[in-house]
Amino acid sequence: MTTLHGGWGGSADRDGGLEVVCVPTEPAMVRAIRLPPPSLDYYLIRSRRPDGESSTEPAGIVVEEFVLDENFSAVRLDSTGWTPGDRRWRDSSAVSRGMRVDAAARSHVGPISRQDAETIYRRLGGGELPDEETLRSYFGAGEPLATAAPLRLGLGQVATGFRDTRVYRILFANELTTDRLAHLEAAWGMRITDGSVHPHTRVAGTASRRLGDDVFTWELRRIGAGVAWCIDLTANLASSCGDAIGPLMRELTTVMRCQGLIPVTIERFS
């Protein structure tokens, strides 16, 4: 089992310091991805006004982490939450689930950096925010995520010159405004599709990157009328290890969180 440390460390996340260990075992490949802190996902829970709308006052903090299997598919979402009224870290599975399936609940939640979480935690009377290993010790049983074995494509589906081709989908909840789409274009050097702002345009843009001998391409796709988005990531691998997949997923997820989107799950399609 692999833990995806998909945190948001401020305005930019650097690849420097990543240590990726790819150890062959039986019967599967175990991949341990060790990332420098901050590596958890932090969210601000905002207070509700009497009319039900969000106020600017913080009501609590939620901390999350996806757990991935050997295929880099998400199998569980671990979380913990803290409020000044309770002043204890508790399992936050219900909150994590709610902000992904309920637009009203999501309207009171926003992704934040660990630095912001530290400031808010101190402001609410919690003192120093615990380190990330301590925060992990507060996780409960977690929220199991639906999984299925990836569909194995025939050899003819592997891109020419590569040993393996895999397709992943990273699903996100929330809307993506025109301004935020422009930020993604700049961050990834993304080629924007004609009519990308139209709600019926499915593929908003595409981008690619070579990491060593591996080549990655991804499409930013709109689901429905924009209430959800996804990144469809194609990994053309020169070896069977795929050690760059986890860090790239983390980076893509981080950039999307910076634009206010909430990761829902990660699936491997092939």
Protein backbone atom coordinates (compact mmCIF):
# COMPACT_ATOMS: atom_id res chain seq x y z
CA MET A 1 0.00 0.00 0.00
CA THR A 2 1.21 3.50 -0.82
CA THR A 3 0.29 6.77 0.80
CA LEU A 4 -0.06 9.73 -1.51
CA HIS A 5 1.22 12.77 0.32
CA GLY A 6 -0.68 15.23 -1.82
CA GLY A 7 -0.37 18.33 0.26
CA TRP A 8 -0.40 21.98 -0.62
CA GLY A 9 2.64 23.87 0.55
CA GLY A 10 1.81 27.44 -0.44
CA SER A 11 1.93 29.20 -3.78
CA ALA A 12 4.24 26.65 -5.37
CA ASP A 13 5.40 23.09 -4.75
CA ARG A 14 8.92 22.06 -5.64
CA ASP A 15 10.10 18.68 -6.88
CA GLY A 16 13.41 19.01 -5.10
CA GLY A 17 13.91 16.60 -2.24
CA LEU A 18 11.56 13.93 -3.53
CA GLU A 19 12.69 10.43 -2.67
CA VAL A 20 10.93 7.73 -4.65
CA VAL A 21 11.60 4.12 -3.70
CA CYS A 22 10.54 1.40 -6.12
CA VAL A 23 11.14 -1.99 -4.55
CA PRO A 24 10.21 -5.20 -6.42
CA THR A 25 8.37 -7.68 -4.20
CA GLU A 26 5.97 -10.56 -4.71
CA PRO A 27 3.29 -10.61 -5.88
CA ALA A 28 3.12 -6.88 -6.65
CA MET A 29 5.35 -3.85 -6.81
CA VAL A 30 5.39 -1.88 -3.56
CA ARG A 31 6.04 1.82 -4.07
CA ALA A 32 6.92 4.05 -1.14
CA ILE A 33 6.73 7.74 -1.96
CA ARG A 34 8.46 9.93 0.60
CA LEU A 35 7.81 13.61 0.14
CA PRO A 36 9.10 16.57 2.12
CA PRO A 37 6.64 18.26 4.47
CA PRO A 38 4.07 19.68 4.23
CA SER A 39 2.61 16.58 2.63
CA LEU A 40 -0.96 16.41 3.97
CA ASP A 41 -3.98 18.25 2.57
CA TYR A 42 -5.39 21.04 4.75
CA TYR A 43 -8.87 22.57 4.59
CA LEU A 44 -10.50 25.49 6.36
CA ILE A 45 -14.06 25.02 7.59
CA ARG A 46 -15.80 28.39 7.64
CA SER A 47 -18.51 29.42 10.09
CA ARG A 48 -22.10 29.74 8.90
CA ARG A 49 -24.10 32.90 9.30
CA PRO A 50 -27.72 32.70 10.55
CA ASP A 51 -28.90 32.80 6.93
CA GLY A 52 -26.85 29.69 6.16
CA GLU A 53 -24.20 31.46 4.10
CA SER A 54 -20.49 31.20 4.87
CA SER A 55 -18.88 33.85 7.01
CA THR A 56 -15.22 34.80 6.90
CA GLU A 57 -14.65 33.39 10.39
CA PRO A 58 -12.88 30.02 10.65
CA ALA A 59 -14.78 27.27 12.45
CA GLY A 60 -12.20 24.48 12.24
CA ILE A 61 -9.56 22.63 10.28
CA VAL A 62 -9.66 19.31 8.43
CA VAL A 63 -6.50 17.40 7.47
CA GLU A 64 -6.55 14.61 4.87
CA GLU A 65 -4.42 12.07 3.05
CA PHE A 66 -5.23 9.63 0.23
CA VAL A 67 -3.97 6.05 0.50
CA LEU A 68 -3.13 4.38 -2.82
CA ASP A 69 -2.68 0.75 -3.84
CA GLU A 70 0.15 -0.62 -5.97
CA ASN A 71 -1.63 0.65 -9.11
CA PHE A 72 -1.68 4.22 -7.74
CA SER A 73 -5.47 4.03 -7.39
CA ALA A 74 -6.99 5.63 -4.29
CA VAL A 75 -8.41 3.02 -1.90
CA ARG A 76 -9.01 5.12 1.21
CA LEU A 77 -9.23 8.73 2.36
CA ASP A 78 -7.89 9.31 5.87
CA SER A 79 -8.82 12.46 7.74
CA THR A 80 -8.96 14.22 11.06
CA GLY A 81 -10.57 17.48 12.16
CA TRP A 82 -10.30 20.02 14.93
CA THR A 83 -12.68 22.72 16.19
CA PRO A 84 -12.11 25.28 18.95
CA GLY A 85 -15.27 24.18 20.75
CA ASP A 86 -14.12 20.58 21.02
CA ARG A 87 -10.37 21.27 21.16
CA ARG A 88 -9.65 17.64 20.24
CA TRP A 89 -8.59 16.00 17.00
CA ARG A 90 -11.25 13.57 15.85
CA ASP A 91 -11.97 11.36 12.86
CA SER A 92 -13.42 13.59 10.14
CA SER A 93 -14.67 11.03 7.61
CA ALA A 94 -18.20 12.45 7.59
CA VAL A 95 -16.95 15.98 6.87
CA SER A 96 -14.57 14.74 4.17
CA ARG A 97 -17.36 12.77 2.52
CA GLY A 98 -19.84 15.66 2.78
CA MET A 99 -17.64 18.25 1.11
CA ARG A 100 -17.26 15.96 -1.90
CA VAL A 101 -20.89 14.98 -2.41
CA ASP A 102 -22.80 18.02 -1.11
CA ALA A 103 -22.36 21.39 -2.84
CA ALA A 104 -23.89 23.21 0.14
CA ALA A 105 -21.38 21.64 2.54
CA ARG A 106 -18.58 22.34 0.07
CA SER A 107 -19.43 26.04 0.02
CA HIS A 108 -18.16 26.29 3.62
CA VAL A 109 -14.84 24.56 2.88
CA GLY A 110 -11.67 25.83 1.23
CA PRO A 111 -8.24 24.29 0.56
CA ILE A 112 -5.45 26.02 2.49
CA SER A 113 -1.71 25.59 2.97
CA ARG A 114 -0.13 24.16 6.09
CA GLN A 115 1.26 27.62 6.83
CA ASP A 116 -2.27 29.04 6.79
CA ALA A 117 -3.50 26.10 8.89
CA GLU A 118 -0.81 26.88 11.48
CA THR A 119 -1.94 30.52 11.65
CA ILE A 120 -5.63 29.62 11.94
CA TYR A 121 -4.98 26.89 14.52
CA ARG A 122 -3.02 29.33 16.68
CA ARG A 123 -5.66 32.04 16.24
CA LEU A 124 -8.40 29.64 17.37
CA GLY A 125 -6.49 28.84 20.55
CA GLY A 126 -4.98 25.52 19.58
CA GLY A 127 -1.36 26.61 19.98
CA GLU A 128 1.24 25.03 17.71
CA LEU A 129 -0.17 22.83 14.97
CA PRO A 130 1.06 19.23 15.49
CA ASP A 131 3.64 17.87 13.04
CA GLU A 132 2.36 15.68 10.23
CA GLU A 133 3.27 12.32 11.76
CA THR A 134 1.33 13.31 14.88
CA LEU A 135 -1.62 14.41 12.75
CA ARG A 136 -1.61 11.00 11.03
CA SER A 137 -1.93 9.36 14.44
CA TYR A 138 -5.29 11.14 14.81
CA PHE A 139 -6.73 9.58 11.64
CA GLY A 140 -9.64 7.22 12.17
CA ALA A 141 -10.54 4.19 10.08
CA GLY A 142 -10.79 6.38 7.00
CA GLU A 143 -13.32 6.51 4.18
CA PRO A 144 -13.04 3.47 1.86
CA LEU A 145 -13.13 4.39 -1.81
CA ALA A 146 -14.65 2.23 -4.53
CA THR A 147 -11.97 0.49 -6.57
CA ALA A 148 -11.80 -1.94 -9.46
CA ALA A 149 -8.93 -3.75 -11.12
CA PRO A 150 -7.60 -1.74 -14.07
CA LEU A 151 -8.54 -2.94 -17.52
CA ARG A 152 -5.35 -4.38 -18.98
CA LEU A 153 -4.88 -3.25 -22.55
CA GLY A 154 -3.32 -5.46 -25.19
CA LEU A 155 0.28 -4.96 -26.25
CA GLY A 156 -0.92 -3.07 -29.32
CA GLN A 157 -2.18 -0.30 -27.04
CA VAL A 158 1.26 0.51 -25.64
CA ALA A 159 2.72 3.62 -27.23
CA THR A 160 5.55 2.96 -29.67
CA GLY A 161 8.95 3.04 -28.01
CA PHE A 162 7.64 2.48 -24.47
CA ARG A 163 7.32 -0.55 -22.25
CA ASP A 164 3.98 0.33 -20.67
CA THR A 165 1.13 2.81 -21.12
CA ARG A 166 -1.22 3.60 -18.25
CA VAL A 167 -4.24 5.89 -17.99
CA TYR A 168 -5.36 7.51 -14.73
CA ARG A 169 -8.21 9.81 -13.81
CA ILE A 170 -7.97 12.27 -10.90
CA LEU A 171 -11.49 13.48 -10.10
CA PHE A 172 -12.19 16.86 -8.47
CA ALA A 173 -15.28 18.57 -7.06
CA ASN A 174 -16.04 22.28 -7.38
CA GLU A 175 -16.23 24.82 -10.16
CA LEU A 176 -13.32 26.20 -12.14
CA THR A 177 -13.67 29.85 -13.10
CA THR A 178 -12.19 31.44 -16.20
CA ASP A 179 -9.50 33.14 -14.10
CA ARG A 180 -8.55 29.86 -12.46
CA LEU A 181 -8.43 28.14 -15.82
CA ALA A 182 -5.97 30.82 -16.93
CA HIS A 183 -3.81 30.05 -13.88
CA LEU A 184 -3.72 26.37 -14.88
CA GLU A 185 -2.78 27.33 -18.42
CA ALA A 186 0.17 29.31 -17.11
CA ALA A 187 1.24 26.71 -14.54
CA TRP A 188 1.30 23.79 -17.00
CA GLY A 189 1.93 25.52 -20.31
CA MET A 190 -1.45 24.05 -21.19
CA ARG A 191 -2.85 24.27 -24.70
CA ILE A 192 -6.35 25.65 -24.27
CA THR A 193 -9.12 24.14 -26.38
CA ASP A 194 -11.23 26.45 -28.54
CA GLY A 195 -14.41 27.20 -26.66
CA SER A 196 -12.93 25.98 -23.38
CA VAL A 197 -15.08 28.40 -21.36
CA HIS A 198 -18.29 26.98 -22.83
CA PRO A 199 -19.99 24.66 -20.30
CA HIS A 200 -20.56 21.99 -22.96
CA THR A 201 -16.89 21.82 -23.99
CA ARG A 202 -15.58 18.65 -22.40
CA VAL A 203 -11.79 19.01 -22.84
CA ALA A 204 -10.66 22.43 -21.64
CA GLY A 205 -6.97 21.94 -22.36
CA THR A 206 -4.02 19.54 -22.69
CA ALA A 207 -0.44 19.53 -21.43
CA SER A 208 2.54 17.21 -21.47
CA ARG A 209 5.88 16.63 -19.81
CA ARG A 210 8.89 14.36 -20.17
CA LEU A 211 10.37 13.05 -16.92
CA GLY A 212 13.53 11.12 -17.66
CA ASP A 213 12.63 8.60 -20.34
CA ASP A 214 8.91 8.67 -19.46
CA VAL A 215 6.40 10.90 -21.24
CA PHE A 216 3.20 12.12 -19.58
CA THR A 217 0.25 13.87 -21.18
CA TRP A 218 -2.91 15.02 -19.48
CA GLU A 219 -6.27 16.48 -20.39
CA LEU A 220 -8.27 18.79 -18.17
CA ARG A 221 -11.88 17.69 -18.57
CA ARG A 222 -15.16 19.22 -17.51
CA ILE A 223 -17.76 16.85 -16.08
CA GLY A 224 -21.39 17.88 -16.36
CA ALA A 225 -21.82 21.64 -16.49
CA GLY A 226 -18.61 22.26 -14.59
CA VAL A 227 -19.67 21.09 -11.12
CA ALA A 228 -16.83 18.57 -11.33
CA TRP A 229 -13.55 18.33 -13.22
CA CYS A 230 -10.96 15.68 -13.83
CA ILE A 231 -7.44 15.22 -15.08
CA ASP A 232 -7.02 12.27 -17.43
CA LEU A 233 -3.34 11.39 -17.20
CA THR A 234 -1.63 9.12 -19.74
CA ALA A 235 1.74 7.74 -18.65
CA ASN A 236 4.00 6.33 -21.36
CA LEU A 237 6.68 4.50 -19.38
CA ALA A 238 10.10 3.41 -20.54
CA SER A 239 10.27 0.93 -17.62
CA SER A 240 7.73 -1.00 -15.56
CA CYS A 241 8.57 0.84 -12.34
CA GLY A 242 6.60 4.04 -12.98
CA ASP A 243 8.39 5.83 -10.16
CA ALA A 244 7.50 9.29 -11.50
CA ILE A 245 3.74 8.70 -11.43
CA GLY A 246 3.17 9.40 -7.73
CA PRO A 247 5.10 12.68 -7.57
CA LEU A 248 3.45 13.95 -10.76
CA MET A 249 0.00 13.08 -9.42
CA ARG A 250 0.84 14.98 -6.31
CA GLU A 251 1.93 18.01 -8.30
CA LEU A 252 -1.17 18.02 -10.51
CA THR A 253 -3.45 17.61 -7.50
CA THR A 254 -1.62 20.39 -5.66
CA VAL A 255 -2.04 22.83 -8.54
CA MET A 256 -5.77 22.02 -8.78
CA ARG A 257 -6.20 22.50 -5.03
CA CYS A 258 -4.50 25.89 -5.35
CA GLN A 259 -7.40 26.82 -7.63
CA GLY A 260 -10.01 25.78 -5.07
CA LEU A 261 -10.85 22.29 -6.33
CA ILE A 262 -11.21 19.33 -3.98
CA PRO A 263 -9.75 15.94 -5.01
CA VAL A 264 -12.33 13.15 -4.84
CA THR A 265 -10.51 10.01 -5.97
CA ILE A 266 -7.82 8.62 -8.26
CA GLU A 267 -8.59 5.71 -10.57
CA ARG A 268 -6.45 3.71 -12.94
CA PHE A 269 -8.31 2.96 -16.16
CA SER A 270 -5.67 0.90 -17.93
